[in-house]
Amino acid sequence: MKKTLSCILSFIPTVTVLTCIVILIIITGLINGGIADGVFITVLQTCTLIVEILGFILGVVLLVIYIIKTIINRNLTVGMKILWCALLFYLSVFFFAILPVYWFVVLRKEQA
């Protein structure tokens, strides 16, 4: 169960942030086109923005946890630790897409 839960947690930030961005772009297009307007659209925008912020916060928390796990991991060499820490830090800019990659490459083997 722990392995499945950690896999799902690795994918959640990427999926939520990208999905919310697409939804907000569609809503903005509908509003600018004059197709949709009103309280429902405003509430939908607000809820989508809140979910996106929560996904971003979860991604940052997972990023910190994964960097700490990388530093503590005794199976990785010093060079691999530096590489993974740098990849996690710098590639997290791209909607946390590195988190599922890190899970498949490092954590899946560790939890097996």
Protein backbone atom coordinates (compact mmCIF):
# COMPACT_ATOMS: atom_id res chain seq x y z
CA MET A 1 0.00 0.00 0.00
CA LYS A 2 2.82 2.38 0.83
CA LYS A 3 4.33 1.88 -2.62
CA THR A 4 1.04 2.58 -4.38
CA LEU A 5 0.31 5.62 -2.23
CA SER A 6 3.75 7.12 -2.85
CA CYS A 7 3.33 6.56 -6.60
CA ILE A 8 -0.03 8.33 -6.59
CA LEU A 9 1.40 11.18 -4.51
CA SER A 10 4.20 11.59 -7.04
CA PHE A 11 1.73 12.09 -9.88
CA ILE A 12 -0.84 14.32 -8.11
CA PRO A 13 1.06 17.66 -8.26
CA THR A 14 1.81 17.37 -11.97
CA VAL A 15 -1.70 16.29 -12.90
CA THR A 16 -3.48 18.89 -10.75
CA VAL A 17 -1.34 21.83 -11.79
CA LEU A 18 -1.54 21.04 -15.51
CA THR A 19 -5.27 20.26 -15.39
CA CYS A 20 -6.06 23.46 -13.50
CA ILE A 21 -4.01 25.53 -15.92
CA VAL A 22 -5.94 24.08 -18.86
CA ILE A 23 -9.29 24.67 -17.12
CA LEU A 24 -8.38 28.27 -16.31
CA ILE A 25 -7.32 28.88 -19.92
CA ILE A 26 -10.64 27.49 -21.19
CA ILE A 27 -12.63 29.58 -18.71
CA THR A 28 -10.69 32.71 -19.68
CA GLY A 29 -11.41 32.01 -23.35
CA LEU A 30 -15.11 31.57 -22.63
CA ILE A 31 -15.25 34.82 -20.66
CA ASN A 32 -13.31 36.81 -23.26
CA GLY A 33 -15.47 35.40 -26.04
CA GLY A 34 -18.60 36.54 -24.25
CA ILE A 35 -19.96 32.98 -24.10
CA ALA A 36 -19.93 32.52 -20.33
CA ASP A 37 -20.28 35.02 -17.56
CA GLY A 38 -21.73 35.09 -14.08
CA VAL A 39 -21.33 33.83 -10.57
CA PHE A 40 -20.88 30.17 -11.53
CA ILE A 41 -17.85 30.91 -13.70
CA THR A 42 -16.34 33.08 -10.97
CA VAL A 43 -16.82 30.35 -8.36
CA LEU A 44 -15.39 27.76 -10.77
CA GLN A 45 -12.35 29.97 -11.38
CA THR A 46 -11.81 30.45 -7.66
CA CYS A 47 -12.13 26.74 -6.87
CA THR A 48 -9.79 25.81 -9.71
CA LEU A 49 -7.23 28.34 -8.53
CA ILE A 50 -7.42 26.99 -4.96
CA VAL A 51 -6.93 23.41 -6.19
CA GLU A 52 -3.96 24.55 -8.30
CA ILE A 53 -2.36 26.27 -5.30
CA LEU A 54 -2.88 23.13 -3.18
CA GLY A 55 -1.27 21.02 -5.91
CA PHE A 56 1.65 23.42 -6.01
CA ILE A 57 2.06 23.24 -2.22
CA LEU A 58 1.94 19.43 -2.33
CA GLY A 59 4.58 19.47 -5.06
CA VAL A 60 6.90 21.66 -2.99
CA VAL A 61 6.43 19.43 0.08
CA LEU A 62 7.14 16.29 -1.97
CA LEU A 63 10.16 18.00 -3.51
CA VAL A 64 11.65 18.68 -0.08
CA ILE A 65 10.85 15.14 1.10
CA TYR A 66 12.42 13.58 -2.00
CA ILE A 67 15.57 15.70 -1.68
CA ILE A 68 15.92 14.61 1.94
CA LYS A 69 15.33 10.96 0.93
CA THR A 70 18.02 11.32 -1.73
CA ILE A 71 20.54 12.68 0.74
CA ILE A 72 19.77 9.91 3.27
CA ASN A 73 19.75 7.06 0.71
CA ARG A 74 22.79 4.85 1.25
CA ASN A 75 22.38 2.99 -2.05
CA LEU A 76 23.25 6.06 -4.13
CA THR A 77 26.78 7.30 -4.70
CA VAL A 78 27.70 10.89 -3.91
CA GLY A 79 27.61 11.80 -7.60
CA MET A 80 24.12 10.32 -8.02
CA LYS A 81 22.92 12.15 -4.91
CA ILE A 82 24.16 15.45 -6.31
CA LEU A 83 22.63 14.69 -9.70
CA TRP A 84 19.22 13.77 -8.29
CA CYS A 85 19.15 16.75 -5.93
CA ALA A 86 19.99 19.10 -8.81
CA LEU A 87 17.41 17.45 -11.10
CA LEU A 88 14.73 17.61 -8.44
CA PHE A 89 15.47 21.24 -7.68
CA TYR A 90 15.85 22.60 -11.21
CA LEU A 91 13.31 20.47 -13.08
CA SER A 92 10.57 21.10 -10.53
CA VAL A 93 9.96 24.32 -12.45
CA PHE A 94 8.26 22.26 -15.18
CA PHE A 95 5.11 21.52 -13.17
CA PHE A 96 6.86 18.94 -10.95
CA ALA A 97 7.19 16.50 -13.84
CA ILE A 98 10.42 15.17 -12.31
CA LEU A 99 8.61 13.70 -9.27
CA PRO A 100 7.10 10.67 -11.09
CA VAL A 101 10.44 10.09 -12.86
CA TYR A 102 12.25 10.12 -9.52
CA TRP A 103 9.70 7.69 -8.09
CA PHE A 104 10.11 5.24 -10.99
CA VAL A 105 13.90 5.39 -11.04
CA VAL A 106 14.83 5.61 -7.35
CA LEU A 107 11.93 5.03 -4.95
CA ARG A 108 10.38 2.06 -6.75
CA LYS A 109 13.61 0.10 -6.34
CA GLU A 110 13.99 1.23 -2.73
CA GLN A 111 10.49 0.16 -1.69
CA ALA A 112 10.57 -3.20 -3.48
